[in-house]
Amino acid sequence: MAGKVKNLLNRDVRYFSRLVIPKDLRPFLENKVELREALGADRRTRKRAPRVTAEMAASIKRLLQEKMMQHDIAARCGINPGRVSEIKSGKIFGDVAPTAGA
């Protein structure tokens, strides 16, 4: 089994790179003992996609009828492309009719 990596710190499912500052250099760096930098995004504050409503499903069906690509619809609505596919196949909101075109 591998040992612990000494310059990698795990705090609440977020990894940090750390570097210990030598004692003679600490006065020049506000007496800090180590420098720490987060690696990657903070997944705890990740924005969640909105819930798909019947109104949203109706407008998605209209966009599908207008031959808009599924990934473009997903990006416009801020949802996962899989939800668009489920709406298209009728797996969810099968009973909802498309909205009238503009």
Protein backbone atom coordinates (compact mmCIF):
# COMPACT_ATOMS: atom_id res chain seq x y z
CA MET A 1 0.00 0.00 0.00
CA ALA A 2 1.32 3.43 -0.92
CA GLY A 3 2.28 5.93 1.76
CA LYS A 4 0.73 9.34 2.35
CA VAL A 5 1.79 12.07 -0.09
CA LYS A 6 3.40 14.76 2.05
CA ASN A 7 2.61 17.81 -0.12
CA LEU A 8 -1.04 16.91 -0.70
CA LEU A 9 -3.75 17.76 1.82
CA ASN A 10 -7.35 16.53 1.78
CA ARG A 11 -9.88 18.77 3.56
CA ASP A 12 -13.62 18.03 3.21
CA VAL A 13 -13.30 16.22 -0.16
CA ARG A 14 -11.17 19.05 -1.57
CA TYR A 15 -7.46 18.65 -2.21
CA PHE A 16 -4.81 21.26 -1.54
CA SER A 17 -1.18 21.48 -2.54
CA ARG A 18 1.00 22.64 0.31
CA LEU A 19 4.56 23.81 0.69
CA VAL A 20 6.29 24.30 4.03
CA ILE A 21 8.13 27.62 4.34
CA PRO A 22 11.63 27.40 5.86
CA LYS A 23 11.94 29.17 9.25
CA ASP A 24 14.42 31.75 8.00
CA LEU A 25 12.01 32.89 5.22
CA ARG A 26 8.84 33.11 7.34
CA PRO A 27 9.35 36.77 8.40
CA PHE A 28 9.22 37.76 4.73
CA LEU A 29 5.92 35.93 4.20
CA GLU A 30 3.86 37.32 7.10
CA ASN A 31 5.19 34.55 9.42
CA LYS A 32 3.22 31.89 7.55
CA VAL A 33 4.27 28.31 8.25
CA GLU A 34 3.06 26.94 4.92
CA LEU A 35 1.66 28.02 1.56
CA ARG A 36 -1.55 26.27 0.56
CA GLU A 37 -3.33 26.30 -2.82
CA ALA A 38 -6.62 24.59 -3.66
CA LEU A 39 -6.56 22.10 -6.52
CA GLY A 40 -9.65 22.17 -8.73
CA ALA A 41 -13.06 23.66 -8.11
CA ASP A 42 -14.90 23.58 -4.81
CA ARG A 43 -17.52 20.90 -5.46
CA ARG A 44 -19.47 21.73 -2.32
CA THR A 45 -20.79 24.95 -3.87
CA ARG A 46 -21.58 23.46 -7.27
CA LYS A 47 -24.63 24.97 -8.91
CA ARG A 48 -27.39 22.43 -9.41
CA ALA A 49 -29.50 22.25 -12.55
CA PRO A 50 -33.11 23.45 -12.24
CA ARG A 51 -35.92 20.92 -11.98
CA VAL A 52 -37.67 20.26 -15.28
CA THR A 53 -41.28 21.46 -15.12
CA ALA A 54 -44.17 20.64 -17.45
CA GLU A 55 -43.87 24.13 -18.99
CA MET A 56 -40.17 23.62 -19.60
CA ALA A 57 -40.83 20.18 -21.13
CA ALA A 58 -43.44 21.70 -23.47
CA SER A 59 -40.98 24.34 -24.70
CA ILE A 60 -38.25 21.68 -25.08
CA LYS A 61 -40.62 19.61 -27.24
CA ARG A 62 -41.29 22.67 -29.39
CA LEU A 63 -37.54 23.24 -29.82
CA LEU A 64 -37.11 19.58 -30.77
CA GLN A 65 -39.83 19.98 -33.43
CA GLU A 66 -37.90 22.97 -34.78
CA LYS A 67 -34.91 20.60 -35.25
CA MET A 68 -32.73 22.23 -32.59
CA MET A 69 -29.99 19.87 -31.39
CA GLN A 70 -30.43 18.28 -27.97
CA HIS A 71 -27.18 19.59 -26.51
CA ASP A 72 -28.08 23.13 -27.61
CA ILE A 73 -31.48 22.83 -25.93
CA ALA A 74 -29.83 21.53 -22.76
CA ALA A 75 -27.38 24.46 -22.73
CA ARG A 76 -30.19 26.97 -23.29
CA CYS A 77 -32.29 25.51 -20.45
CA GLY A 78 -29.36 24.85 -18.11
CA ILE A 79 -30.13 21.14 -17.76
CA ASN A 80 -28.41 17.84 -18.46
CA PRO A 81 -28.69 16.62 -22.09
CA GLY A 82 -30.01 13.33 -20.72
CA ARG A 83 -33.16 15.10 -19.53
CA VAL A 84 -33.76 16.40 -23.06
CA SER A 85 -33.38 12.87 -24.40
CA GLU A 86 -35.86 11.54 -21.81
CA ILE A 87 -38.38 14.22 -22.80
CA LYS A 88 -37.89 13.43 -26.50
CA SER A 89 -38.39 9.69 -25.98
CA GLY A 90 -41.44 10.23 -23.75
CA LYS A 91 -39.84 8.61 -20.72
CA ILE A 92 -40.72 11.74 -18.74
CA PHE A 93 -43.49 14.23 -19.54
CA GLY A 94 -44.88 11.92 -22.22
CA ASP A 95 -48.35 13.42 -21.80
CA VAL A 96 -47.24 17.06 -22.25
CA ALA A 97 -47.86 18.67 -25.64
CA PRO A 98 -45.36 21.08 -27.23
CA THR A 99 -46.03 24.79 -26.82
CA ALA A 100 -47.32 26.76 -29.79
CA GLY A 101 -44.53 28.16 -31.98
CA ALA A 102 -43.76 31.86 -32.04
